[in-house]
Amino acid sequence: MKKIVAVTSCPTGIAHTYMASESLEESAKEMNIKMKVETQGSVGVENELTEQDIKEADAVIIAADTNVSKERFANKYIVEVAVADAINDAESLINKALEGAEKGQTTQINNDLYNQVSQEKSKRKESRTGAYKHLMTGVSFMLPFVVAGGLSIALSFVFGINAAQEEGTLAAALMQIGSGSAFALMVPILAGYIAYSIADRPGIAPGMIGGMLASSIGAGFLGGIIAGFLAGYLTQWLKNHIKLPQTLQGLMPILILPFLSSLIVGLLMIYLIGPPVQGIMNGLTNWLQGLTEANAVILGLILGAMMAFDMGGPVNKAAYTFGVGLLGSNIYGPMAAIMAAGMTPPLGLALATVLFKSRFTRQEIEAGKPAWFMGISFITEGAIPFAAADPFRVIPSTMTGSAVTGALSMLFGVGLKAPHGGIFVLPIPNVVTNLGFYALAIIIGTIVTALMLRILKPKLTK
């Protein structure tokens, strides 16, 4: 029996989402075709498609008026239409999907480095569960705000380190965009989308409100993370335990759940959670500002090793989130160590494929060429295909090189005010302190990584 999977979603997520789902299921039943439909409605994702469902499917139908991610449907034939088309003529959509699948029309993925990285990241995303999945959802939505805000702040420094203090100037406008707006949204977005990952749309409002309160009372990104998890699990609990008549169910996602959750989360953040977390953040800030040279080197060593350990995984993201959170407290040293250490793994591997060709396959040598660009762009994931092929030699090599880079960056007293951009932000005036030593730390770490690979990786047989 043929099988099709589908996703339906409309902007409001109330009526048309479910009408389209029902229409597809009824038509499939009449045509003797197995059908599973995932609905992305006002209460979140229901009847979610599993990896096995997608693997067994002959084709995919996406009937949506909202953005639906298609990454998980790679190598499947996809029919993408408006949600109304599924309501009005589901049968023709099913026939179109089956015809495309029979002709072998699929989404192809080329076997180059970028697509290998994309596939690996998709696998990691699928494997995320529990608290880590929710945290990474918040971080992924927060990152564009961090990057856009950080680069806007960096551009303001072009006009002078204190130029933004003069009202009415372009530097002041750039600082307002970056620090006053994008960075102000950073913690609320983080908290809101952690809650969204747990409780879907009803969790966004209480999560963002909790995050805004965490930011305003000085609890920082740590308070935002706590607020996000609190809002998400509380909203989910209320969703499961509040029972209303069918006629009033529409009030749950837009009135009852957001209001009750926001009220409870807000009061808890103000009176119970916020003050002690604020104390922890102040203590952390004071400790980092008073680091001795030896302690700074140790911190850089740890952060550097974390960045290379799983190259975009939970440990890497934990280190990066730590550095980003400190930017709001005007502590720039850890961010410099983190970005430098994140650039080193792909750069070291690219260098090794040039210097020690006998230790790499022809495919790996070719993959080393784009790894140069991924490295200088601070895309640590560029090292993933190499690590996946030989983890017990590659990962220790990259961790060693990145640990050296992070330690040297902290030893040299480097500070970085931009949270991303790789070498492309380094020429901006006043963004990096001790730029020459920063470049030296990256170069040394890259060489150490390549030499470690030379030592650990044996020559390949012919």
Protein backbone atom coordinates (compact mmCIF):
# COMPACT_ATOMS: atom_id res chain seq x y z
CA MET A 1 0.00 0.00 0.00
CA LYS A 2 1.24 3.46 -0.93
CA LYS A 3 1.90 5.87 1.92
CA ILE A 4 1.89 9.68 1.97
CA VAL A 5 2.70 12.00 4.84
CA ALA A 6 1.43 15.57 5.01
CA VAL A 7 1.64 18.76 7.04
CA THR A 8 -1.19 21.29 7.27
CA SER A 9 -0.96 24.75 8.78
CA CYS A 10 -2.81 28.05 8.48
CA PRO A 11 -1.89 31.45 10.01
CA THR A 12 -4.48 31.29 12.80
CA GLY A 13 -4.07 27.55 13.30
CA ILE A 14 -7.70 26.99 14.20
CA ALA A 15 -10.10 26.03 11.41
CA HIS A 16 -8.41 25.55 8.04
CA THR A 17 -5.52 23.53 9.46
CA TYR A 18 -7.88 20.80 10.61
CA MET A 19 -10.24 21.06 7.62
CA ALA A 20 -7.31 20.42 5.28
CA SER A 21 -6.14 17.50 7.42
CA GLU A 22 -9.60 15.93 7.40
CA SER A 23 -9.97 16.39 3.64
CA LEU A 24 -6.62 14.70 2.93
CA GLU A 25 -7.33 11.80 5.26
CA GLU A 26 -10.80 11.16 3.81
CA SER A 27 -9.56 11.26 0.21
CA ALA A 28 -6.67 8.94 1.03
CA LYS A 29 -9.04 6.48 2.66
CA GLU A 30 -11.27 6.45 -0.42
CA MET A 31 -8.22 5.89 -2.65
CA ASN A 32 -6.90 3.07 -0.42
CA ILE A 33 -3.73 5.02 0.41
CA LYS A 34 -2.14 5.18 3.83
CA MET A 35 -1.99 8.76 5.05
CA LYS A 36 -0.64 10.48 8.17
CA VAL A 37 -1.15 14.21 8.59
CA GLU A 38 0.71 16.43 11.03
CA THR A 39 -1.24 19.56 12.02
CA GLN A 40 0.56 22.70 13.13
CA GLY A 41 -2.31 24.51 14.78
CA SER A 42 -2.99 27.04 17.54
CA VAL A 43 -2.25 24.49 20.27
CA GLY A 44 0.99 23.42 18.62
CA VAL A 45 2.06 20.37 16.63
CA GLU A 46 -0.31 17.42 16.81
CA ASN A 47 0.06 13.94 15.30
CA GLU A 48 3.74 14.74 14.71
CA LEU A 49 5.49 12.85 11.92
CA THR A 50 8.26 10.61 13.15
CA GLU A 51 11.50 9.86 11.32
CA GLN A 52 10.12 6.39 10.57
CA ASP A 53 6.89 7.85 9.12
CA ILE A 54 8.89 10.01 6.72
CA LYS A 55 11.23 7.17 5.80
CA GLU A 56 8.30 4.90 4.86
CA ALA A 57 6.46 7.59 2.87
CA ASP A 58 6.40 7.61 -0.92
CA ALA A 59 5.74 11.35 -1.10
CA VAL A 60 5.01 14.43 0.99
CA ILE A 61 2.20 17.01 0.81
CA ILE A 62 2.62 20.37 2.54
CA ALA A 63 -0.62 22.32 2.59
CA ALA A 64 0.24 25.49 4.46
CA ASP A 65 -0.07 29.25 4.44
CA THR A 66 2.75 29.53 6.97
CA ASN A 67 6.41 28.63 6.79
CA VAL A 68 6.91 24.87 7.25
CA SER A 69 10.45 23.52 7.47
CA LYS A 70 11.21 21.02 4.69
CA GLU A 71 14.68 19.86 5.85
CA ARG A 72 13.39 16.59 7.29
CA PHE A 73 11.78 15.67 3.94
CA ALA A 74 15.05 15.60 1.98
CA ASN A 75 15.11 13.00 -0.83
CA LYS A 76 11.30 12.85 -0.91
CA TYR A 77 9.02 14.25 -3.60
CA ILE A 78 7.18 17.23 -2.09
CA VAL A 79 3.93 18.80 -3.27
CA GLU A 80 3.64 22.24 -1.67
CA VAL A 81 0.32 24.11 -1.93
CA ALA A 82 -1.91 26.56 -0.07
CA VAL A 83 -4.03 25.10 2.69
CA ALA A 84 -7.21 25.86 0.70
CA ASP A 85 -6.07 23.54 -2.11
CA ALA A 86 -6.08 20.59 0.25
CA ILE A 87 -9.57 21.46 1.43
CA ASN A 88 -10.96 21.90 -2.08
CA ASP A 89 -9.27 19.11 -4.05
CA ALA A 90 -7.29 16.70 -1.90
CA GLU A 91 -7.62 13.86 -4.40
CA SER A 92 -5.70 15.67 -7.15
CA LEU A 93 -2.94 16.57 -4.68
CA ILE A 94 -2.55 12.93 -3.69
CA ASN A 95 -2.42 11.85 -7.35
CA LYS A 96 0.16 14.55 -8.10
CA ALA A 97 2.30 13.41 -5.18
CA LEU A 98 2.18 9.77 -6.26
CA GLU A 99 2.95 10.61 -9.91
CA GLY A 100 6.01 12.62 -8.90
CA ALA A 101 7.25 9.84 -6.64
CA GLU A 102 6.78 7.21 -9.36
CA LYS A 103 8.85 9.30 -11.78
CA GLY A 104 11.66 9.41 -9.25
CA GLN A 105 11.39 13.16 -8.69
CA THR A 106 13.07 13.73 -5.34
CA THR A 107 14.96 16.43 -3.50
CA GLN A 108 18.57 15.55 -4.14
CA ILE A 109 21.42 16.35 -1.73
CA ASN A 110 24.89 16.69 -3.24
CA ASN A 111 27.78 15.09 -1.41
CA ASP A 112 29.87 18.23 -0.83
CA LEU A 113 31.14 19.57 2.47
CA TYR A 114 28.34 22.06 2.97
CA ASN A 115 25.64 19.44 2.47
CA GLN A 116 27.47 16.95 4.69
CA VAL A 117 27.46 19.61 7.41
CA SER A 118 23.77 20.31 6.79
CA GLN A 119 22.89 16.62 6.99
CA GLU A 120 24.87 16.17 10.20
CA LYS A 121 23.19 19.20 11.78
CA SER A 122 19.77 17.81 10.78
CA LYS A 123 20.63 14.48 12.42
CA ARG A 124 21.70 16.28 15.57
CA LYS A 125 18.50 18.28 15.56
CA GLU A 126 16.42 15.12 15.29
CA SER A 127 18.34 13.53 18.18
CA ARG A 128 17.75 16.43 20.53
CA THR A 129 15.34 15.64 23.31
CA GLY A 130 14.16 17.09 26.57
CA ALA A 131 15.68 20.18 28.13
CA TYR A 132 18.55 20.36 25.63
CA LYS A 133 16.14 20.47 22.69
CA HIS A 134 14.18 23.29 24.31
CA LEU A 135 17.31 25.28 25.17
CA MET A 136 18.69 24.92 21.63
CA THR A 137 15.38 26.09 20.18
CA GLY A 138 15.65 29.26 22.27
CA VAL A 139 19.30 29.75 21.34
CA SER A 140 18.63 29.27 17.61
CA PHE A 141 15.91 31.95 17.62
CA MET A 142 18.07 34.26 19.75
CA LEU A 143 21.19 34.07 17.55
CA PRO A 144 19.95 36.35 14.71
CA PHE A 145 19.25 39.08 17.28
CA VAL A 146 22.67 38.57 18.86
CA VAL A 147 24.51 38.65 15.54
CA ALA A 148 22.56 41.59 14.07
CA GLY A 149 22.83 43.55 17.31
CA GLY A 150 26.48 42.74 17.86
CA LEU A 151 27.49 43.74 14.35
CA SER A 152 25.50 46.99 14.65
CA ILE A 153 27.36 47.78 17.86
CA ALA A 154 30.63 46.89 16.16
CA LEU A 155 29.90 49.30 13.31
CA SER A 156 29.21 52.10 15.80
CA PHE A 157 32.79 51.75 17.04
CA VAL A 158 34.09 52.67 13.58
CA PHE A 159 33.42 56.29 14.51
CA GLY A 160 35.31 56.03 17.78
CA ILE A 161 35.04 54.03 20.98
CA ASN A 162 32.90 56.72 22.66
CA ALA A 163 31.26 58.19 19.54
CA ALA A 164 27.87 56.63 20.36
CA GLN A 165 27.57 58.84 23.44
CA GLU A 166 26.93 61.89 21.22
CA GLU A 167 23.19 62.07 20.56
CA GLY A 168 21.98 62.44 17.00
CA THR A 169 25.04 60.89 15.41
CA LEU A 170 25.11 57.81 13.18
CA ALA A 171 27.18 56.03 15.82
CA ALA A 172 24.45 56.68 18.40
CA ALA A 173 21.81 55.37 15.99
CA LEU A 174 23.80 52.18 15.37
CA MET A 175 24.25 51.69 19.11
CA GLN A 176 20.51 52.17 19.62
CA ILE A 177 19.78 49.53 16.98
CA GLY A 178 22.30 47.09 18.42
CA SER A 179 22.39 47.57 22.17
CA GLY A 180 19.12 49.41 22.78
CA SER A 181 16.94 47.19 20.59
CA ALA A 182 18.48 43.92 19.38
CA PHE A 183 20.33 43.14 22.61
CA ALA A 184 17.31 44.25 24.65
CA LEU A 185 15.29 41.57 22.83
CA MET A 186 17.96 38.89 23.24
CA VAL A 187 16.89 37.48 26.63
CA PRO A 188 13.12 37.75 26.01
CA ILE A 189 13.50 35.92 22.68
CA LEU A 190 15.62 33.22 24.32
CA ALA A 191 13.06 32.69 27.08
CA GLY A 192 10.05 32.95 24.75
CA TYR A 193 11.24 30.27 22.36
CA ILE A 194 12.38 27.91 25.10
CA ALA A 195 8.79 28.10 26.32
CA TYR A 196 7.53 27.73 22.73
CA SER A 197 9.55 24.54 22.30
CA ILE A 198 7.89 23.08 25.40
CA ALA A 199 4.30 24.36 25.13
CA ASP A 200 4.06 25.62 21.52
CA ARG A 201 2.40 28.98 20.79
CA PRO A 202 0.67 29.48 24.17
CA GLY A 203 4.11 29.47 25.81
CA ILE A 204 5.57 32.37 23.82
CA ALA A 205 3.90 35.25 25.70
CA PRO A 206 4.66 34.09 29.26
CA GLY A 207 8.17 33.09 28.19
CA MET A 208 8.95 36.48 26.65
CA ILE A 209 7.39 38.36 29.55
CA GLY A 210 9.45 36.30 31.99
CA GLY A 211 12.55 36.94 29.89
CA MET A 212 11.90 40.68 29.79
CA LEU A 213 11.51 40.72 33.57
CA ALA A 214 14.75 38.75 33.95
CA SER A 215 16.52 41.33 31.80
CA SER A 216 15.03 44.34 33.58
CA ILE A 217 15.80 43.15 37.12
CA GLY A 218 19.38 42.19 36.26
CA ALA A 219 19.00 38.40 36.23
CA GLY A 220 20.50 38.30 32.72
CA PHE A 221 20.58 35.37 30.35
CA LEU A 222 20.60 32.87 33.25
CA GLY A 223 17.34 34.33 34.52
CA GLY A 224 15.97 34.22 30.97
CA ILE A 225 16.72 30.51 30.67
CA ILE A 226 14.99 29.84 33.99
CA ALA A 227 11.99 31.97 32.97
CA GLY A 228 11.70 30.13 29.64
CA PHE A 229 11.64 26.67 31.20
CA LEU A 230 9.28 27.82 33.95
CA ALA A 231 6.86 29.39 31.47
CA GLY A 232 6.97 26.40 29.12
CA TYR A 233 6.38 23.67 31.67
CA LEU A 234 3.79 25.72 33.54
CA THR A 235 1.84 26.44 30.34
CA GLN A 236 1.99 22.79 29.33
CA TRP A 237 0.75 21.74 32.77
CA LEU A 238 -2.15 24.20 32.60
CA LYS A 239 -2.98 23.02 29.07
CA ASN A 240 -3.22 19.42 30.29
CA HIS A 241 -5.23 20.14 33.44
CA ILE A 242 -7.68 22.91 32.51
CA LYS A 243 -10.74 21.35 30.92
CA LEU A 244 -13.26 23.59 29.16
CA PRO A 245 -16.36 22.85 27.09
CA GLN A 246 -15.71 22.38 23.38
CA THR A 247 -17.31 25.75 22.61
CA LEU A 248 -14.75 27.54 24.80
CA GLN A 249 -11.64 25.65 23.66
CA GLY A 250 -10.70 28.51 21.32
CA LEU A 251 -10.06 30.72 24.36
CA MET A 252 -7.33 28.44 25.72
CA PRO A 253 -4.39 29.37 23.42
CA ILE A 254 -5.14 33.09 23.08
CA LEU A 255 -6.53 34.08 26.49
CA ILE A 256 -6.50 31.61 29.35
CA LEU A 257 -3.09 29.96 28.99
CA PRO A 258 -1.04 33.11 28.15
CA PHE A 259 -2.72 35.18 30.87
CA LEU A 260 -2.47 32.67 33.71
CA SER A 261 1.08 31.63 32.82
CA SER A 262 2.28 35.22 32.40
CA LEU A 263 0.78 36.20 35.75
CA ILE A 264 2.36 33.30 37.64
CA VAL A 265 5.74 33.49 35.90
CA GLY A 266 5.88 37.26 36.30
CA LEU A 267 5.18 37.18 40.03
CA LEU A 268 7.66 34.36 40.59
CA MET A 269 10.39 36.19 38.65
CA ILE A 270 9.84 39.45 40.56
CA TYR A 271 9.50 38.10 44.08
CA LEU A 272 11.14 34.68 44.23
CA ILE A 273 13.49 33.80 41.35
CA GLY A 274 14.83 37.14 40.14
CA PRO A 275 16.69 38.45 43.23
CA PRO A 276 18.89 35.37 43.89
CA VAL A 277 19.65 34.92 40.17
CA GLN A 278 20.58 38.60 40.00
CA GLY A 279 23.03 37.97 42.85
CA ILE A 280 24.53 35.01 40.99
CA MET A 281 24.97 37.06 37.81
CA ASN A 282 26.57 39.93 39.71
CA GLY A 283 28.93 37.48 41.40
CA LEU A 284 29.86 35.90 38.06
CA THR A 285 30.46 39.31 36.51
CA ASN A 286 32.69 40.44 39.38
CA TRP A 287 34.64 37.16 39.27
CA LEU A 288 35.26 37.44 35.53
CA GLN A 289 36.31 41.08 35.80
CA GLY A 290 38.78 40.20 38.55
CA LEU A 291 40.34 37.16 36.90
CA THR A 292 44.05 36.75 37.46
CA GLU A 293 46.24 35.94 34.46
CA ALA A 294 46.50 32.26 35.42
CA ASN A 295 42.75 31.88 35.94
CA ALA A 296 42.05 33.66 32.66
CA VAL A 297 44.27 31.19 30.80
CA ILE A 298 42.50 28.24 32.44
CA LEU A 299 39.08 29.69 31.52
CA GLY A 300 40.23 30.20 27.92
CA LEU A 301 41.58 26.65 27.82
CA ILE A 302 38.24 25.22 28.98
CA LEU A 303 36.11 27.36 26.66
CA GLY A 304 38.36 26.54 23.71
CA ALA A 305 38.17 22.80 24.32
CA MET A 306 34.37 23.03 24.68
CA MET A 307 34.06 24.76 21.30
CA ALA A 308 35.89 21.90 19.55
CA PHE A 309 34.49 18.98 21.51
CA ASP A 310 31.26 18.53 19.53
CA MET A 311 31.52 21.34 16.93
CA GLY A 312 28.06 22.88 17.13
CA GLY A 313 26.61 20.39 19.60
CA PRO A 314 25.42 21.00 23.18
CA VAL A 315 28.87 21.57 24.71
CA ASN A 316 29.85 23.98 21.94
CA LYS A 317 26.55 25.86 22.25
CA ALA A 318 26.89 26.05 26.04
CA ALA A 319 30.26 27.78 25.68
CA TYR A 320 28.94 30.13 22.99
CA THR A 321 25.82 31.04 24.98
CA PHE A 322 28.04 31.78 27.99
CA GLY A 323 30.13 34.21 25.95
CA VAL A 324 27.12 35.90 24.34
CA GLY A 325 25.43 36.39 27.70
CA LEU A 326 28.48 38.23 29.03
CA LEU A 327 28.46 40.78 26.20
CA GLY A 328 25.50 42.48 27.86
CA SER A 329 27.67 42.92 30.97
CA ASN A 330 30.49 44.50 28.90
CA ILE A 331 32.78 41.50 29.41
CA TYR A 332 34.43 40.79 26.07
CA GLY A 333 37.35 38.44 26.80
CA PRO A 334 35.47 35.10 26.80
CA MET A 335 33.68 35.97 23.54
CA ALA A 336 37.05 36.54 21.85
CA ALA A 337 38.39 33.19 23.09
CA ILE A 338 35.21 31.41 22.02
CA MET A 339 35.13 32.75 18.45
CA ALA A 340 38.84 32.14 17.92
CA ALA A 341 38.55 28.59 19.25
CA GLY A 342 35.52 27.98 17.05
CA MET A 343 37.42 29.04 13.93
CA THR A 344 40.41 26.80 14.63
CA PRO A 345 39.00 23.26 13.96
CA PRO A 346 38.08 23.71 10.27
CA LEU A 347 41.16 25.85 9.66
CA GLY A 348 43.45 23.24 11.25
CA LEU A 349 41.88 20.45 9.23
CA ALA A 350 42.13 22.47 6.03
CA LEU A 351 45.83 23.10 6.72
CA ALA A 352 46.43 19.42 7.48
CA THR A 353 44.89 18.36 4.15
CA VAL A 354 47.42 20.61 2.42
CA LEU A 355 50.51 19.67 4.44
CA PHE A 356 49.84 15.99 5.10
CA LYS A 357 47.93 14.70 2.10
CA SER A 358 48.98 11.09 2.67
CA ARG A 359 46.80 10.95 5.79
CA PHE A 360 43.56 11.94 4.07
CA THR A 361 41.38 10.45 1.37
CA ARG A 362 40.92 12.28 -1.91
CA GLN A 363 37.40 13.23 -0.84
CA GLU A 364 38.71 14.70 2.45
CA ILE A 365 41.39 16.67 0.62
CA GLU A 366 38.67 18.19 -1.59
CA ALA A 367 36.55 18.90 1.49
CA GLY A 368 39.52 20.76 2.98
CA LYS A 369 39.19 23.52 0.38
CA PRO A 370 35.77 24.88 1.50
CA ALA A 371 36.81 24.22 5.12
CA TRP A 372 39.15 27.24 4.81
CA PHE A 373 36.20 29.54 4.19
CA MET A 374 34.04 27.91 6.86
CA GLY A 375 36.85 28.34 9.36
CA ILE A 376 37.48 32.04 8.71
CA SER A 377 33.68 32.56 8.86
CA PHE A 378 33.45 31.00 12.36
CA ILE A 379 31.48 27.97 11.17
CA THR A 380 32.92 25.30 13.46
CA GLU A 381 30.63 22.70 11.90
CA GLY A 382 32.96 22.68 8.88
CA ALA A 383 35.02 20.10 10.79
CA ILE A 384 32.09 17.73 11.38
CA PRO A 385 32.56 15.45 8.32
CA PHE A 386 36.22 14.88 9.23
CA ALA A 387 35.31 14.15 12.86
CA ALA A 388 32.50 11.81 11.85
CA ALA A 389 34.90 9.78 9.68
CA ASP A 390 37.65 9.51 12.31
CA PRO A 391 36.41 10.83 15.69
CA PHE A 392 39.08 9.29 17.94
CA ARG A 393 41.89 11.10 16.12
CA VAL A 394 40.23 14.25 14.82
CA ILE A 395 38.38 15.37 17.96
CA PRO A 396 41.43 15.23 20.29
CA SER A 397 43.40 17.13 17.64
CA THR A 398 40.82 19.89 17.25
CA MET A 399 40.27 20.15 21.02
CA THR A 400 44.01 20.59 21.58
CA GLY A 401 44.32 23.32 18.95
CA SER A 402 41.19 25.16 20.13
CA ALA A 403 42.22 24.92 23.80
CA VAL A 404 45.59 26.49 22.92
CA THR A 405 43.84 29.26 20.94
CA GLY A 406 41.37 30.01 23.74
CA ALA A 407 44.11 30.08 26.38
CA LEU A 408 46.33 32.38 24.30
CA SER A 409 43.44 34.72 23.55
CA MET A 410 42.75 35.15 27.26
CA LEU A 411 46.47 35.39 28.08
CA PHE A 412 46.91 38.18 25.51
CA GLY A 413 43.96 40.09 27.00
CA VAL A 414 41.97 40.08 23.76
CA GLY A 415 38.41 41.42 23.84
CA LEU A 416 35.78 40.99 21.11
CA LYS A 417 32.60 43.10 20.97
CA ALA A 418 31.01 41.25 18.00
CA PRO A 419 29.45 37.81 18.63
CA HIS A 420 29.98 36.41 15.14
CA GLY A 421 31.49 37.09 11.74
CA GLY A 422 34.89 35.43 11.95
CA ILE A 423 37.73 37.39 10.37
CA PHE A 424 35.26 39.67 8.55
CA VAL A 425 34.58 41.72 11.69
CA LEU A 426 38.22 41.96 12.76
CA PRO A 427 39.12 44.95 10.52
CA ILE A 428 36.32 47.06 12.04
CA PRO A 429 38.03 49.65 14.26
CA ASN A 430 37.72 49.18 18.03
CA VAL A 431 35.86 45.85 17.76
CA VAL A 432 38.88 43.78 18.80
CA THR A 433 41.46 44.73 21.38
CA ASN A 434 44.99 43.46 20.70
CA LEU A 435 44.13 42.46 17.14
CA GLY A 436 47.65 41.32 16.25
CA PHE A 437 47.85 38.96 19.22
CA TYR A 438 44.32 37.70 18.39
CA ALA A 439 45.40 36.73 14.88
CA LEU A 440 48.49 35.10 16.36
CA ALA A 441 46.37 33.00 18.75
CA ILE A 442 44.24 31.74 15.83
CA ILE A 443 47.28 30.95 13.69
CA ILE A 444 49.03 29.06 16.49
CA GLY A 445 45.90 27.02 17.28
CA THR A 446 45.48 26.19 13.58
CA ILE A 447 49.07 24.95 13.35
CA VAL A 448 48.74 22.94 16.58
CA THR A 449 45.60 21.25 15.23
CA ALA A 450 47.35 20.34 11.98
CA LEU A 451 50.40 18.98 13.81
CA MET A 452 48.23 16.91 16.13
CA LEU A 453 46.55 15.39 13.08
CA ARG A 454 49.99 14.65 11.63
CA ILE A 455 50.90 12.78 14.83
CA LEU A 456 47.61 10.92 15.41
CA LYS A 457 46.46 10.06 11.90
CA PRO A 458 48.42 7.26 10.18
CA LYS A 459 49.33 7.29 6.52
CA LEU A 460 46.69 5.71 4.35
CA THR A 461 47.52 2.57 2.44
CA LYS A 462 47.48 2.97 -1.31
